[in-house]
Amino acid sequence: KRFPFDDIQDFDDAGRGFIGTAEDTVVRDS
């Protein structure tokens, strides 16, 4: 109730310019 959770500007910015992500979602060491 205290903060503007309906403000989605950050979500628009965080998703802007998305090209793609890794197919393998786990990064492992040697």
PDB file of all heavy atoms in Angstrom:
ATOM      1  N   LYS A   1       0.818  -1.213   0.000  1.00  0.00           N
ATOM      2  CA  LYS A   1       0.000   0.000   0.000  1.00  0.00           C
ATOM      3  C   LYS A   1       0.851   1.262   0.000  1.00  0.00           C
ATOM      4  O   LYS A   1       0.394   2.327  -0.434  1.00  0.00           O
ATOM      5  CB  LYS A   1      -0.914   0.004   1.233  1.00  0.00           C
ATOM      6  CG  LYS A   1      -1.849  -1.190   1.329  1.00  0.00           C
ATOM      7  CD  LYS A   1      -2.623  -1.159   2.649  1.00  0.00           C
ATOM      8  CE  LYS A   1      -3.493  -2.399   2.816  1.00  0.00           C
ATOM      9  NZ  LYS A   1      -4.204  -2.396   4.125  1.00  0.00           N
ATOM     10  N   ARG A   2       2.086   1.123   0.471  1.00  0.00           N
ATOM     11  CA  ARG A   2       2.922   2.310   0.696  1.00  0.00           C
ATOM     12  C   ARG A   2       3.642   2.770  -0.561  1.00  0.00           C
ATOM     13  O   ARG A   2       3.904   3.958  -0.720  1.00  0.00           O
ATOM     14  CB  ARG A   2       3.937   1.966   1.792  1.00  0.00           C
ATOM     15  CG  ARG A   2       4.801   3.121   2.223  1.00  0.00           C
ATOM     16  CD  ARG A   2       5.707   2.695   3.361  1.00  0.00           C
ATOM     17  NE  ARG A   2       6.637   3.725   3.740  1.00  0.00           N
ATOM     18  CZ  ARG A   2       7.646   3.546   4.572  1.00  0.00           C
ATOM     19  NH1 ARG A   2       7.832   2.352   5.129  1.00  0.00           N
ATOM     20  NH2 ARG A   2       8.462   4.539   4.876  1.00  0.00           N
ATOM     21  N   PHE A   3       3.952   1.831  -1.468  1.00  0.00           N
ATOM     22  CA  PHE A   3       4.789   2.176  -2.616  1.00  0.00           C
ATOM     23  C   PHE A   3       4.067   1.884  -3.929  1.00  0.00           C
ATOM     24  O   PHE A   3       3.145   1.045  -3.978  1.00  0.00           O
ATOM     25  CB  PHE A   3       6.114   1.406  -2.547  1.00  0.00           C
ATOM     26  CG  PHE A   3       6.941   1.734  -1.347  1.00  0.00           C
ATOM     27  CD1 PHE A   3       7.208   0.778  -0.381  1.00  0.00           C
ATOM     28  CD2 PHE A   3       7.439   3.020  -1.164  1.00  0.00           C
ATOM     29  CE1 PHE A   3       7.965   1.085   0.744  1.00  0.00           C
ATOM     30  CE2 PHE A   3       8.192   3.331  -0.039  1.00  0.00           C
ATOM     31  CZ  PHE A   3       8.454   2.367   0.913  1.00  0.00           C
ATOM     32  N   PRO A   4       4.480   2.532  -5.018  1.00  0.00           N
ATOM     33  CA  PRO A   4       3.762   2.438  -6.303  1.00  0.00           C
ATOM     34  C   PRO A   4       4.104   1.166  -7.085  1.00  0.00           C
ATOM     35  O   PRO A   4       4.845   1.198  -8.070  1.00  0.00           O
ATOM     36  CB  PRO A   4       4.234   3.696  -7.042  1.00  0.00           C
ATOM     37  CG  PRO A   4       5.616   3.941  -6.530  1.00  0.00           C
ATOM     38  CD  PRO A   4       5.575   3.524  -5.077  1.00  0.00           C
ATOM     39  N   PHE A   5       3.529   0.066  -6.668  1.00  0.00           N
ATOM     40  CA  PHE A   5       3.812  -1.202  -7.343  1.00  0.00           C
ATOM     41  C   PHE A   5       3.223  -1.257  -8.753  1.00  0.00           C
ATOM     42  O   PHE A   5       3.571  -2.140  -9.536  1.00  0.00           O
ATOM     43  CB  PHE A   5       3.304  -2.377  -6.503  1.00  0.00           C
ATOM     44  CG  PHE A   5       4.210  -2.734  -5.358  1.00  0.00           C
ATOM     45  CD1 PHE A   5       4.134  -2.056  -4.149  1.00  0.00           C
ATOM     46  CD2 PHE A   5       5.161  -3.728  -5.494  1.00  0.00           C
ATOM     47  CE1 PHE A   5       4.976  -2.372  -3.088  1.00  0.00           C
ATOM     48  CE2 PHE A   5       6.000  -4.063  -4.442  1.00  0.00           C
ATOM     49  CZ  PHE A   5       5.915  -3.375  -3.240  1.00  0.00           C
ATOM     50  N   ASP A   6       2.352  -0.316  -9.080  1.00  0.00           N
ATOM     51  CA  ASP A   6       1.815  -0.280 -10.434  1.00  0.00           C
ATOM     52  C   ASP A   6       2.759   0.431 -11.406  1.00  0.00           C
ATOM     53  O   ASP A   6       2.501   0.464 -12.614  1.00  0.00           O
ATOM     54  CB  ASP A   6       0.447   0.400 -10.442  1.00  0.00           C
ATOM     55  CG  ASP A   6       0.478   1.816  -9.867  1.00  0.00           C
ATOM     56  OD1 ASP A   6       1.506   2.184  -9.249  1.00  0.00           O
ATOM     57  OD2 ASP A   6      -0.512   2.539 -10.033  1.00  0.00           O
ATOM     58  N   ASP A   7       3.861   0.982 -10.909  1.00  0.00           N
ATOM     59  CA  ASP A   7       4.874   1.610 -11.760  1.00  0.00           C
ATOM     60  C   ASP A   7       5.748   0.505 -12.353  1.00  0.00           C
ATOM     61  O   ASP A   7       6.520  -0.141 -11.642  1.00  0.00           O
ATOM     62  CB  ASP A   7       5.712   2.575 -10.923  1.00  0.00           C
ATOM     63  CG  ASP A   7       6.852   3.221 -11.710  1.00  0.00           C
ATOM     64  OD1 ASP A   7       6.976   2.966 -12.933  1.00  0.00           O
ATOM     65  OD2 ASP A   7       7.643   3.973 -11.092  1.00  0.00           O
ATOM     66  N   ILE A   8       5.634   0.288 -13.669  1.00  0.00           N
ATOM     67  CA  ILE A   8       6.361  -0.820 -14.297  1.00  0.00           C
ATOM     68  C   ILE A   8       7.524  -0.335 -15.153  1.00  0.00           C
ATOM     69  O   ILE A   8       8.056  -1.094 -15.963  1.00  0.00           O
ATOM     70  CB  ILE A   8       5.405  -1.676 -15.142  1.00  0.00           C
ATOM     71  CG1 ILE A   8       4.789  -0.836 -16.271  1.00  0.00           C
ATOM     72  CG2 ILE A   8       4.336  -2.324 -14.269  1.00  0.00           C
ATOM     73  CD1 ILE A   8       4.029  -1.678 -17.289  1.00  0.00           C
ATOM     74  N   GLN A   9       7.941   0.924 -14.973  1.00  0.00           N
ATOM     75  CA  GLN A   9       9.037   1.450 -15.793  1.00  0.00           C
ATOM     76  C   GLN A   9      10.298   0.605 -15.660  1.00  0.00           C
ATOM     77  O   GLN A   9      10.981   0.317 -16.644  1.00  0.00           O
ATOM     78  CB  GLN A   9       9.349   2.900 -15.388  1.00  0.00           C
ATOM     79  CG  GLN A   9      10.463   3.554 -16.208  1.00  0.00           C
ATOM     80  CD  GLN A   9      10.079   3.755 -17.660  1.00  0.00           C
ATOM     81  OE1 GLN A   9       9.140   4.489 -17.954  1.00  0.00           O
ATOM     82  NE2 GLN A   9      10.785   3.097 -18.571  1.00  0.00           N
ATOM     83  N   ASP A  10      10.626   0.190 -14.450  1.00  0.00           N
ATOM     84  CA  ASP A  10      11.830  -0.620 -14.261  1.00  0.00           C
ATOM     85  C   ASP A  10      11.723  -1.948 -15.005  1.00  0.00           C
ATOM     86  O   ASP A  10      12.717  -2.440 -15.561  1.00  0.00           O
ATOM     87  CB  ASP A  10      12.070  -0.880 -12.767  1.00  0.00           C
ATOM     88  CG  ASP A  10      12.640   0.335 -12.044  1.00  0.00           C
ATOM     89  OD1 ASP A  10      13.282   1.168 -12.718  1.00  0.00           O
ATOM     90  OD2 ASP A  10      12.441   0.445 -10.826  1.00  0.00           O
ATOM     91  N   PHE A  11      10.554  -2.541 -15.032  1.00  0.00           N
ATOM     92  CA  PHE A  11      10.389  -3.800 -15.749  1.00  0.00           C
ATOM     93  C   PHE A  11      10.529  -3.592 -17.262  1.00  0.00           C
ATOM     94  O   PHE A  11      11.110  -4.426 -17.960  1.00  0.00           O
ATOM     95  CB  PHE A  11       9.038  -4.440 -15.409  1.00  0.00           C
ATOM     96  CG  PHE A  11       8.999  -5.027 -14.029  1.00  0.00           C
ATOM     97  CD1 PHE A  11       8.549  -4.278 -12.948  1.00  0.00           C
ATOM     98  CD2 PHE A  11       9.431  -6.322 -13.800  1.00  0.00           C
ATOM     99  CE1 PHE A  11       8.526  -4.807 -11.675  1.00  0.00           C
ATOM    100  CE2 PHE A  11       9.407  -6.873 -12.520  1.00  0.00           C
ATOM    101  CZ  PHE A  11       8.960  -6.110 -11.456  1.00  0.00           C
ATOM    102  N   ASP A  12      10.016  -2.457 -17.748  1.00  0.00           N
ATOM    103  CA  ASP A  12      10.202  -2.140 -19.165  1.00  0.00           C
ATOM    104  C   ASP A  12      11.684  -1.965 -19.478  1.00  0.00           C
ATOM    105  O   ASP A  12      12.185  -2.465 -20.492  1.00  0.00           O
ATOM    106  CB  ASP A  12       9.442  -0.863 -19.525  1.00  0.00           C
ATOM    107  CG  ASP A  12       7.926  -1.059 -19.507  1.00  0.00           C
ATOM    108  OD1 ASP A  12       7.468  -2.220 -19.546  1.00  0.00           O
ATOM    109  OD2 ASP A  12       7.197  -0.047 -19.431  1.00  0.00           O
ATOM    110  N   ASP A  13      12.391  -1.256 -18.587  1.00  0.00           N
ATOM    111  CA  ASP A  13      13.823  -1.015 -18.817  1.00  0.00           C
ATOM    112  C   ASP A  13      14.631  -2.303 -18.712  1.00  0.00           C
ATOM    113  O   ASP A  13      15.549  -2.536 -19.506  1.00  0.00           O
ATOM    114  CB  ASP A  13      14.349   0.007 -17.811  1.00  0.00           C
ATOM    115  CG  ASP A  13      13.854   1.422 -18.085  1.00  0.00           C
ATOM    116  OD1 ASP A  13      13.387   1.677 -19.215  1.00  0.00           O
ATOM    117  OD2 ASP A  13      13.934   2.271 -17.175  1.00  0.00           O
ATOM    118  N   ALA A  14      14.302  -3.129 -17.724  1.00  0.00           N
ATOM    119  CA  ALA A  14      15.059  -4.364 -17.521  1.00  0.00           C
ATOM    120  C   ALA A  14      14.890  -5.329 -18.693  1.00  0.00           C
ATOM    121  O   ALA A  14      15.790  -6.125 -18.991  1.00  0.00           O
ATOM    122  CB  ALA A  14      14.636  -5.040 -16.216  1.00  0.00           C
ATOM    123  N   GLY A  15      13.755  -5.277 -19.382  1.00  0.00           N
ATOM    124  CA  GLY A  15      13.523  -6.162 -20.519  1.00  0.00           C
ATOM    125  C   GLY A  15      13.877  -5.569 -21.859  1.00  0.00           C
ATOM    126  O   GLY A  15      13.912  -6.284 -22.872  1.00  0.00           O
ATOM    127  N   ARG A  16      14.156  -4.270 -21.892  1.00  0.00           N
ATOM    128  CA  ARG A  16      14.417  -3.590 -23.162  1.00  0.00           C
ATOM    129  C   ARG A  16      15.692  -4.121 -23.828  1.00  0.00           C
ATOM    130  O   ARG A  16      16.705  -4.323 -23.174  1.00  0.00           O
ATOM    131  CB  ARG A  16      14.558  -2.086 -22.912  1.00  0.00           C
ATOM    132  CG  ARG A  16      14.894  -1.269 -24.155  1.00  0.00           C
ATOM    133  CD  ARG A  16      14.779   0.202 -23.859  1.00  0.00           C
ATOM    134  NE  ARG A  16      15.313   1.018 -24.951  1.00  0.00           N
ATOM    135  CZ  ARG A  16      15.199   2.342 -25.049  1.00  0.00           C
ATOM    136  NH1 ARG A  16      14.558   3.001 -24.094  1.00  0.00           N
ATOM    137  NH2 ARG A  16      15.720   2.994 -26.063  1.00  0.00           N
ATOM    138  N   GLY A  17      15.607  -4.349 -25.110  1.00  0.00           N
ATOM    139  CA  GLY A  17      16.771  -4.775 -25.873  1.00  0.00           C
ATOM    140  C   GLY A  17      17.128  -6.242 -25.718  1.00  0.00           C
ATOM    141  O   GLY A  17      18.210  -6.656 -26.151  1.00  0.00           O
ATOM    142  N   PHE A  18      16.224  -7.037 -25.133  1.00  0.00           N
ATOM    143  CA  PHE A  18      16.537  -8.457 -24.925  1.00  0.00           C
ATOM    144  C   PHE A  18      16.758  -9.157 -26.261  1.00  0.00           C
ATOM    145  O   PHE A  18      15.957  -9.044 -27.184  1.00  0.00           O
ATOM    146  CB  PHE A  18      15.405  -9.135 -24.162  1.00  0.00           C
ATOM    147  CG  PHE A  18      15.600 -10.612 -23.956  1.00  0.00           C
ATOM    148  CD1 PHE A  18      16.546 -11.075 -23.054  1.00  0.00           C
ATOM    149  CD2 PHE A  18      14.848 -11.539 -24.673  1.00  0.00           C
ATOM    150  CE1 PHE A  18      16.733 -12.444 -22.855  1.00  0.00           C
ATOM    151  CE2 PHE A  18      15.024 -12.903 -24.479  1.00  0.00           C
ATOM    152  CZ  PHE A  18      15.971 -13.352 -23.568  1.00  0.00           C
ATOM    153  N   ILE A  19      17.861  -9.900 -26.350  1.00  0.00           N
ATOM    154  CA  ILE A  19      18.210 -10.626 -27.566  1.00  0.00           C
ATOM    155  C   ILE A  19      18.035 -12.127 -27.379  1.00  0.00           C
ATOM    156  O   ILE A  19      17.490 -12.821 -28.232  1.00  0.00           O
ATOM    157  CB  ILE A  19      19.662 -10.298 -27.981  1.00  0.00           C
ATOM    158  CG1 ILE A  19      19.776  -8.819 -28.358  1.00  0.00           C
ATOM    159  CG2 ILE A  19      20.109 -11.190 -29.133  1.00  0.00           C
ATOM    160  CD1 ILE A  19      21.209  -8.354 -28.587  1.00  0.00           C
ATOM    161  N   GLY A  20      18.494 -12.651 -26.269  1.00  0.00           N
ATOM    162  CA  GLY A  20      18.367 -14.072 -26.009  1.00  0.00           C
ATOM    163  C   GLY A  20      19.165 -14.458 -24.789  1.00  0.00           C
ATOM    164  O   GLY A  20      19.941 -13.658 -24.255  1.00  0.00           O
ATOM    165  N   THR A  21      18.976 -15.679 -24.338  1.00  0.00           N
ATOM    166  CA  THR A  21      19.737 -16.162 -23.181  1.00  0.00           C
ATOM    167  C   THR A  21      20.298 -17.543 -23.495  1.00  0.00           C
ATOM    168  O   THR A  21      20.065 -18.105 -24.568  1.00  0.00           O
ATOM    169  CB  THR A  21      18.881 -16.176 -21.909  1.00  0.00           C
ATOM    170  OG1 THR A  21      19.730 -16.363 -20.772  1.00  0.00           O
ATOM    171  CG2 THR A  21      17.825 -17.258 -21.944  1.00  0.00           C
ATOM    172  N   ALA A  22      21.056 -18.084 -22.565  1.00  0.00           N
ATOM    173  CA  ALA A  22      21.738 -19.356 -22.797  1.00  0.00           C
ATOM    174  C   ALA A  22      20.742 -20.508 -22.844  1.00  0.00           C
ATOM    175  O   ALA A  22      19.747 -20.523 -22.111  1.00  0.00           O
ATOM    176  CB  ALA A  22      22.772 -19.595 -21.705  1.00  0.00           C
ATOM    177  N   GLU A  23      21.037 -21.469 -23.697  1.00  0.00           N
ATOM    178  CA  GLU A  23      20.205 -22.664 -23.778  1.00  0.00           C
ATOM    179  C   GLU A  23      20.465 -23.589 -22.586  1.00  0.00           C
ATOM    180  O   GLU A  23      19.550 -24.203 -22.050  1.00  0.00           O
ATOM    181  CB  GLU A  23      20.471 -23.398 -25.095  1.00  0.00           C
ATOM    182  CG  GLU A  23      20.062 -22.578 -26.322  1.00  0.00           C
ATOM    183  CD  GLU A  23      20.435 -23.267 -27.617  1.00  0.00           C
ATOM    184  OE1 GLU A  23      21.100 -24.328 -27.563  1.00  0.00           O
ATOM    185  OE2 GLU A  23      20.069 -22.754 -28.689  1.00  0.00           O
ATOM    186  N   ASP A  24      21.729 -23.677 -22.199  1.00  0.00           N
ATOM    187  CA  ASP A  24      22.088 -24.452 -21.017  1.00  0.00           C
ATOM    188  C   ASP A  24      22.036 -23.515 -19.818  1.00  0.00           C
ATOM    189  O   ASP A  24      22.831 -22.575 -19.718  1.00  0.00           O
ATOM    190  CB  ASP A  24      23.492 -25.055 -21.170  1.00  0.00           C
ATOM    191  CG  ASP A  24      23.843 -26.008 -20.027  1.00  0.00           C
ATOM    192  OD1 ASP A  24      23.085 -26.066 -19.041  1.00  0.00           O
ATOM    193  OD2 ASP A  24      24.895 -26.678 -20.123  1.00  0.00           O
ATOM    194  N   THR A  25      21.103 -23.749 -18.922  1.00  0.00           N
ATOM    195  CA  THR A  25      20.869 -22.805 -17.826  1.00  0.00           C
ATOM    196  C   THR A  25      21.765 -23.043 -16.623  1.00  0.00           C
ATOM    197  O   THR A  25      21.668 -22.319 -15.629  1.00  0.00           O
ATOM    198  CB  THR A  25      19.401 -22.872 -17.374  1.00  0.00           C
ATOM    199  OG1 THR A  25      19.119 -24.206 -16.923  1.00  0.00           O
ATOM    200  CG2 THR A  25      18.468 -22.509 -18.517  1.00  0.00           C
ATOM    201  N   VAL A  26      22.644 -24.041 -16.701  1.00  0.00           N
ATOM    202  CA  VAL A  26      23.546 -24.343 -15.596  1.00  0.00           C
ATOM    203  C   VAL A  26      24.985 -24.121 -16.050  1.00  0.00           C
ATOM    204  O   VAL A  26      25.406 -24.641 -17.086  1.00  0.00           O
ATOM    205  CB  VAL A  26      23.370 -25.787 -15.099  1.00  0.00           C
ATOM    206  CG1 VAL A  26      24.362 -26.098 -13.978  1.00  0.00           C
ATOM    207  CG2 VAL A  26      21.945 -26.012 -14.612  1.00  0.00           C
ATOM    208  N   VAL A  27      25.742 -23.331 -15.286  1.00  0.00           N
ATOM    209  CA  VAL A  27      27.165 -23.101 -15.558  1.00  0.00           C
ATOM    210  C   VAL A  27      27.965 -23.957 -14.581  1.00  0.00           C
ATOM    211  O   VAL A  27      27.746 -23.884 -13.368  1.00  0.00           O
ATOM    212  CB  VAL A  27      27.526 -21.614 -15.396  1.00  0.00           C
ATOM    213  CG1 VAL A  27      29.020 -21.390 -15.666  1.00  0.00           C
ATOM    214  CG2 VAL A  27      26.680 -20.748 -16.319  1.00  0.00           C
ATOM    215  N   ARG A  28      28.887 -24.746 -15.115  1.00  0.00           N
ATOM    216  CA  ARG A  28      29.663 -25.666 -14.282  1.00  0.00           C
ATOM    217  C   ARG A  28      31.150 -25.378 -14.426  1.00  0.00           C
ATOM    218  O   ARG A  28      31.597 -24.797 -15.420  1.00  0.00           O
ATOM    219  CB  ARG A  28      29.392 -27.122 -14.685  1.00  0.00           C
ATOM    220  CG  ARG A  28      27.930 -27.533 -14.565  1.00  0.00           C
ATOM    221  CD  ARG A  28      27.720 -28.971 -15.017  1.00  0.00           C
ATOM    222  NE  ARG A  28      26.305 -29.321 -15.041  1.00  0.00           N
ATOM    223  CZ  ARG A  28      25.629 -29.788 -13.991  1.00  0.00           C
ATOM    224  NH1 ARG A  28      26.259 -29.972 -12.838  1.00  0.00           N
ATOM    225  NH2 ARG A  28      24.344 -30.069 -14.085  1.00  0.00           N
ATOM    226  N   ASP A  29      31.926 -25.814 -13.425  1.00  0.00           N
ATOM    227  CA  ASP A  29      33.371 -25.704 -13.530  1.00  0.00           C
ATOM    228  C   ASP A  29      33.929 -26.954 -14.209  1.00  0.00           C
ATOM    229  O   ASP A  29      33.180 -27.839 -14.638  1.00  0.00           O
ATOM    230  CB  ASP A  29      34.015 -25.459 -12.157  1.00  0.00           C
ATOM    231  CG  ASP A  29      33.830 -26.612 -11.181  1.00  0.00           C
ATOM    232  OD1 ASP A  29      33.470 -27.734 -11.615  1.00  0.00           O
ATOM    233  OD2 ASP A  29      34.047 -26.399  -9.976  1.00  0.00           O
ATOM    234  N   SER A  30      35.252 -27.045 -14.302  1.00  0.00           N
ATOM    235  CA  SER A  30      35.883 -28.142 -15.032  1.00  0.00           C
ATOM    236  C   SER A  30      35.637 -29.499 -14.379  1.00  0.00           C
ATOM    237  O   SER A  30      35.767 -30.533 -15.029  1.00  0.00           O
ATOM    238  CB  SER A  30      37.389 -27.891 -15.157  1.00  0.00           C
ATOM    239  OG  SER A  30      37.977 -27.747 -13.868  1.00  0.00           O
TER     240      SER A  30
END
